[in-house]
């Protein structure tokens, strides 16, 4: 018999442990689980699982047995089509209930001046924030673009480009086995493909394409042009912004707060703001996950 349990408290959902969101991070004190615990107001169990490849591997292994487990990773090398499909079709067994941030890292969402300036700890104007974000981002633009090329090539070369042999009858002796191995056409094709991908011309082409995406084809980055705000390494830039003169956090005794404690105080304050000013993807994530939590009320 189907029954609906009403007046469920958030603590009941949390302690059931049925619904779990696995994210990147070495422990529960890492940035991603800290942010998401605050975002969901501790109504959902958040578990860190290390780097993105670990999260993806666990997603593939656990999803068939735990359909109420969800997984969220940084964008990294994932293409736009795959990312949009994850969000549009969530939850989806084909993607193992995996969601991928639409920006490079979760920190990139806190680099929006309109959002960041809302913090009570902010000491400067929106214009000054924009100036500092641009300054720190410009300093690493070419560095991040070059690393994007490396990440893309590295991931492409990981693809399954050769299959194992299937017929043991073709390997009756050491000589025939070595002959089959040495003459597998896939090795020559792969060597040619690698040579092409790492050629000077191809590297320059990839670098320029990435740079054009980030800058919007302009000689310098600016707000409202290009995808640099999504693609820059947000973790590094956010840390520089937070620990600059733009923000000031004081302890109760009036002494200045710095380091991780300062970062946590500012992020906590921003996440306590009205939902209407939260990054759009944060609200979409909450909506998608809470729809699954609400379904859990029906037994």
Protein backbone atom coordinates (compact mmCIF):
# COMPACT_ATOMS: atom_id res chain seq x y z
CA UNK A 1 0.00 0.00 0.00
CA UNK A 2 1.28 3.48 -0.89
CA UNK A 3 1.23 6.09 1.83
CA UNK A 4 2.39 9.68 1.98
CA UNK A 5 4.17 10.87 5.08
CA UNK A 6 3.52 14.53 5.75
CA UNK A 7 5.34 17.14 7.82
CA UNK A 8 8.76 15.63 7.19
CA UNK A 9 11.49 17.50 9.00
CA UNK A 10 14.82 18.17 7.30
CA UNK A 11 16.59 16.20 10.01
CA UNK A 12 14.62 13.07 9.08
CA UNK A 13 15.72 13.31 5.48
CA UNK A 14 19.31 13.90 6.49
CA UNK A 15 19.51 11.06 8.97
CA UNK A 16 17.89 8.57 6.60
CA UNK A 17 21.08 8.79 4.58
CA UNK A 18 19.25 7.52 1.55
CA UNK A 19 20.07 10.51 -0.61
CA UNK A 20 23.75 11.38 -0.92
CA UNK A 21 25.54 13.94 -3.07
CA UNK A 22 29.16 12.96 -3.75
CA UNK A 23 31.49 15.80 -4.70
CA UNK A 24 35.15 16.57 -5.20
CA UNK A 25 37.34 17.23 -2.17
CA UNK A 26 39.80 15.39 0.04
CA UNK A 27 37.65 15.71 3.18
CA UNK A 28 34.53 17.39 4.55
CA UNK A 29 36.51 20.53 5.30
CA UNK A 30 37.29 20.99 1.59
CA UNK A 31 35.72 23.90 -0.29
CA UNK A 32 33.14 21.98 -2.36
CA UNK A 33 31.48 20.06 0.51
CA UNK A 34 31.61 23.16 2.72
CA UNK A 35 29.78 25.25 0.13
CA UNK A 36 27.22 22.58 -0.71
CA UNK A 37 26.43 21.77 2.92
CA UNK A 38 25.67 25.44 3.44
CA UNK A 39 23.73 25.67 0.19
CA UNK A 40 21.47 22.77 1.19
CA UNK A 41 21.36 23.90 4.82
CA UNK A 42 22.52 20.42 5.88
CA UNK A 43 19.31 18.80 4.56
CA UNK A 44 21.35 16.51 2.33
CA UNK A 45 24.30 14.25 3.08
CA UNK A 46 27.36 15.59 1.22
CA UNK A 47 30.37 13.30 0.85
CA UNK A 48 33.80 14.21 -0.62
CA UNK A 49 35.41 11.63 -2.90
CA UNK A 50 38.70 13.12 -3.98
CA UNK A 51 39.41 14.18 -7.57
CA UNK A 52 36.86 14.23 -10.40
CA UNK A 53 38.00 10.91 -11.91
CA UNK A 54 37.37 9.25 -8.54
CA UNK A 55 33.86 10.68 -8.37
CA UNK A 56 33.09 9.48 -11.90
CA UNK A 57 34.43 5.99 -11.16
CA UNK A 58 32.36 5.69 -8.00
CA UNK A 59 29.30 6.96 -9.90
CA UNK A 60 29.64 4.18 -12.46
CA UNK A 61 30.16 1.56 -9.75
CA UNK A 62 27.46 2.59 -7.26
CA UNK A 63 24.64 3.96 -9.36
CA UNK A 64 23.12 0.57 -10.34
CA UNK A 65 22.77 -0.28 -6.65
CA UNK A 66 22.05 3.19 -5.25
CA UNK A 67 19.88 5.27 -7.61
CA UNK A 68 19.49 7.94 -4.91
CA UNK A 69 23.22 8.67 -4.96
CA UNK A 70 24.14 11.78 -6.97
CA UNK A 71 27.51 12.98 -8.21
CA UNK A 72 28.85 16.45 -8.97
CA UNK A 73 32.24 17.30 -10.47
CA UNK A 74 34.17 20.24 -11.91
CA UNK A 75 33.85 20.91 -15.61
CA UNK A 76 37.51 20.22 -16.52
CA UNK A 77 37.60 18.77 -20.07
CA UNK A 78 33.90 17.88 -20.41
CA UNK A 79 32.25 19.23 -23.56
CA UNK A 80 29.21 21.52 -23.60
CA UNK A 81 26.86 18.96 -25.14
CA UNK A 82 27.54 16.38 -22.43
CA UNK A 83 27.20 18.94 -19.62
CA UNK A 84 23.88 20.29 -20.89
CA UNK A 85 22.57 16.74 -21.27
CA UNK A 86 23.49 15.94 -17.66
CA UNK A 87 21.50 18.88 -16.30
CA UNK A 88 18.57 18.52 -18.68
CA UNK A 89 18.05 14.79 -18.07
CA UNK A 90 18.95 14.53 -14.37
CA UNK A 91 18.48 12.05 -12.79
CA UNK A 92 19.64 9.75 -15.56
CA UNK A 93 21.00 6.21 -15.35
CA UNK A 94 22.88 6.68 -18.62
CA UNK A 95 25.08 9.33 -16.98
CA UNK A 96 25.03 7.62 -13.55
CA UNK A 97 23.25 10.61 -11.97
CA UNK A 98 26.30 12.72 -12.73
CA UNK A 99 26.18 16.52 -12.86
CA UNK A 100 29.05 18.67 -14.11
CA UNK A 101 29.45 22.31 -13.16
CA UNK A 102 28.87 24.54 -16.18
CA UNK A 103 31.85 26.63 -15.10
CA UNK A 104 35.37 25.34 -14.60
CA UNK A 105 35.15 25.05 -10.82
CA UNK A 106 32.64 25.89 -8.11
CA UNK A 107 34.84 28.87 -7.17
CA UNK A 108 34.15 30.50 -10.55
CA UNK A 109 30.57 31.19 -9.47
CA UNK A 110 31.85 33.48 -6.69
CA UNK A 111 33.77 35.68 -9.14
CA UNK A 112 30.66 37.51 -10.33
CA UNK A 113 31.09 41.11 -9.08
CA UNK A 114 27.32 41.61 -8.70
CA UNK A 115 27.24 38.65 -6.30
CA UNK A 116 30.56 39.12 -4.56
CA UNK A 117 29.88 42.75 -3.68
CA UNK A 118 26.82 41.67 -1.65
CA UNK A 119 29.05 40.27 1.08
CA UNK A 120 28.95 42.29 4.29
CA UNK A 121 32.72 41.87 4.44
CA UNK A 122 33.33 43.62 1.12
CA UNK A 123 35.23 46.88 1.58
CA UNK A 124 35.17 48.22 -1.99
CA UNK A 125 32.80 49.11 -4.79
CA UNK A 126 31.65 46.77 -7.54
CA UNK A 127 33.90 48.66 -9.95
CA UNK A 128 36.94 48.05 -7.75
CA UNK A 129 36.06 44.36 -7.52
CA UNK A 130 35.83 44.14 -11.30
CA UNK A 131 39.23 45.79 -11.58
CA UNK A 132 40.85 43.32 -9.18
CA UNK A 133 39.20 40.26 -10.77
CA UNK A 134 40.42 41.41 -14.18
CA UNK A 135 43.90 42.08 -12.82
CA UNK A 136 44.31 38.63 -11.29
CA UNK A 137 42.67 36.87 -14.27
CA UNK A 138 44.82 38.66 -16.86
CA UNK A 139 47.94 37.55 -15.00
CA UNK A 140 47.07 33.87 -15.58
CA UNK A 141 45.16 34.02 -18.88
CA UNK A 142 47.87 32.53 -21.10
CA UNK A 143 48.88 30.05 -18.40
CA UNK A 144 45.33 28.69 -18.11
CA UNK A 145 44.86 28.61 -21.90
CA UNK A 146 48.04 26.54 -22.30
CA UNK A 147 46.90 24.15 -19.58
CA UNK A 148 43.53 23.73 -21.30
CA UNK A 149 45.39 22.47 -24.37
CA UNK A 150 47.34 19.96 -22.26
CA UNK A 151 44.21 18.71 -20.48
CA UNK A 152 42.32 18.29 -23.76
CA UNK A 153 45.11 16.34 -25.46
CA UNK A 154 45.73 14.23 -22.38
CA UNK A 155 42.08 13.23 -22.16
CA UNK A 156 41.81 12.50 -25.88
CA UNK A 157 44.82 10.18 -25.72
CA UNK A 158 43.21 8.24 -22.88
CA UNK A 159 40.43 7.06 -25.16
CA UNK A 160 40.20 3.35 -25.90
CA UNK A 161 42.04 3.36 -29.22
CA UNK A 162 42.82 -0.36 -29.44
CA UNK A 163 40.91 -3.52 -28.53
CA UNK A 164 42.39 -6.69 -27.08
CA UNK A 165 42.84 -9.74 -29.27
CA UNK A 166 39.94 -12.19 -29.12
CA UNK A 167 40.98 -15.41 -30.89
CA UNK A 168 43.58 -17.54 -29.03
CA UNK A 169 43.94 -19.78 -32.08
CA UNK A 170 45.92 -16.98 -33.74
CA UNK A 171 48.59 -17.19 -31.02
CA UNK A 172 49.91 -20.72 -31.30
CA UNK A 173 53.56 -19.75 -30.86
CA UNK A 174 55.77 -16.98 -29.55
CA UNK A 175 56.63 -15.94 -33.10
CA UNK A 176 53.03 -15.66 -34.32
CA UNK A 177 52.03 -13.78 -31.14
CA UNK A 178 54.80 -11.22 -31.60
CA UNK A 179 53.95 -10.88 -35.28
CA UNK A 180 50.29 -10.19 -34.50
CA UNK A 181 51.27 -7.69 -31.83
CA UNK A 182 53.83 -5.81 -33.90
CA UNK A 183 51.63 -5.61 -36.96
CA UNK A 184 48.43 -4.44 -35.30
CA UNK A 185 47.42 -1.49 -37.48
CA UNK A 186 46.08 0.43 -34.48
CA UNK A 187 49.62 1.10 -33.21
CA UNK A 188 50.63 2.83 -36.42
CA UNK A 189 47.36 4.75 -36.56
CA UNK A 190 47.72 5.86 -32.95
CA UNK A 191 51.34 6.90 -33.42
CA UNK A 192 50.30 9.02 -36.41
CA UNK A 193 47.41 10.50 -34.43
CA UNK A 194 49.65 11.39 -31.48
CA UNK A 195 52.22 12.91 -33.80
CA UNK A 196 49.52 15.07 -35.36
CA UNK A 197 48.04 16.15 -32.03
CA UNK A 198 51.35 17.27 -30.56
CA UNK A 199 52.74 18.93 -33.67
CA UNK A 200 53.74 22.58 -33.36
CA UNK A 201 51.01 23.72 -35.77
CA UNK A 202 48.28 21.77 -33.98
CA UNK A 203 49.36 23.05 -30.54
CA UNK A 204 49.34 26.63 -31.80
CA UNK A 205 45.92 26.15 -33.37
CA UNK A 206 44.44 24.67 -30.18
CA UNK A 207 45.99 27.40 -28.03
CA UNK A 208 44.60 30.17 -30.25
CA UNK A 209 41.15 28.57 -30.32
CA UNK A 210 41.08 28.35 -26.52
CA UNK A 211 42.32 31.93 -26.15
CA UNK A 212 39.65 33.18 -28.56
CA UNK A 213 36.94 31.43 -26.53
CA UNK A 214 38.20 33.02 -23.35
CA UNK A 215 38.65 36.55 -24.72
CA UNK A 216 35.81 36.58 -27.24
CA UNK A 217 38.39 37.36 -29.92
CA UNK A 218 39.50 40.57 -28.19
CA UNK A 219 43.08 41.53 -27.39
CA UNK A 220 42.27 41.74 -23.67
CA UNK A 221 39.63 40.26 -21.39
CA UNK A 222 36.70 42.33 -20.20
CA UNK A 223 33.43 41.65 -18.42
CA UNK A 224 30.63 40.63 -20.76
CA UNK A 225 32.99 39.42 -23.49
CA UNK A 226 34.24 35.87 -23.98
CA UNK A 227 34.10 32.92 -21.57
CA UNK A 228 37.15 33.75 -19.47
CA UNK A 229 35.11 34.16 -16.28
CA UNK A 230 33.86 30.58 -16.69
CA UNK A 231 37.18 29.12 -17.85
CA UNK A 232 39.82 30.80 -15.67
CA UNK A 233 41.02 28.75 -12.69
CA UNK A 234 38.52 30.17 -10.24
CA UNK A 235 40.07 28.59 -7.14
CA UNK A 236 43.25 30.65 -7.54
CA UNK A 237 41.61 33.94 -8.52
CA UNK A 238 38.97 33.77 -5.75
CA UNK A 239 41.68 33.18 -3.16
CA UNK A 240 43.57 36.25 -4.39
CA UNK A 241 40.42 38.40 -4.30
CA UNK A 242 39.36 37.26 -0.84
CA UNK A 243 42.81 37.82 0.66
CA UNK A 244 43.26 41.23 -0.96
CA UNK A 245 42.29 44.57 0.54
CA UNK A 246 38.82 44.11 -1.01
CA UNK A 247 37.60 42.10 1.99
CA UNK A 248 37.98 42.44 5.73
CA UNK A 249 36.82 39.97 8.37
CA UNK A 250 37.28 40.55 12.07
CA UNK A 251 36.97 38.24 15.03
CA UNK A 252 34.75 39.22 17.96
CA UNK A 253 37.73 40.75 19.73
CA UNK A 254 38.45 42.94 16.72
CA UNK A 255 41.51 41.09 15.46
CA UNK A 256 41.69 40.49 11.70
CA UNK A 257 40.77 37.03 10.41
CA UNK A 258 42.83 35.57 7.56
CA UNK A 259 43.46 32.39 5.62
CA UNK A 260 40.85 29.67 5.33
CA UNK A 261 38.79 31.12 8.17
CA UNK A 262 38.41 34.38 6.24
CA UNK A 263 37.40 32.59 3.07
CA UNK A 264 34.83 30.45 4.91
CA UNK A 265 33.27 33.48 6.61
CA UNK A 266 32.80 35.34 3.32
CA UNK A 267 31.43 32.33 1.44
CA UNK A 268 29.06 31.49 4.31
CA UNK A 269 27.78 35.06 4.27
CA UNK A 270 27.19 34.99 0.51
CA UNK A 271 25.31 31.69 0.68
CA UNK A 272 23.00 33.12 3.34
CA UNK A 273 21.86 35.84 0.95
CA UNK A 274 18.40 35.72 -0.59
CA UNK A 275 18.02 32.95 -3.19
CA UNK A 276 17.19 35.56 -5.82
CA UNK A 277 20.84 36.65 -5.95
CA UNK A 278 22.42 33.20 -5.76
CA UNK A 279 24.14 31.99 -8.94
CA UNK A 280 21.55 30.48 -11.28
CA UNK A 281 23.27 27.08 -11.32
CA UNK A 282 23.17 26.92 -7.50
CA UNK A 283 19.40 27.35 -7.51
CA UNK A 284 19.00 24.86 -10.34
CA UNK A 285 21.06 22.30 -8.43
CA UNK A 286 18.94 22.81 -5.31
CA UNK A 287 15.76 22.37 -7.33
CA UNK A 288 16.93 19.17 -9.02
CA UNK A 289 18.15 17.54 -5.81
CA UNK A 290 15.19 18.63 -3.69
CA UNK A 291 12.81 17.12 -6.25
CA UNK A 292 14.51 13.79 -5.55
CA UNK A 293 14.35 14.34 -1.78
CA UNK A 294 10.63 15.06 -1.98
CA UNK A 295 10.05 11.84 -3.90
CA UNK A 296 11.68 10.04 -1.00
CA UNK A 297 8.74 11.06 1.20
CA UNK A 298 6.53 8.59 -0.66
CA UNK A 299 7.01 4.94 0.40
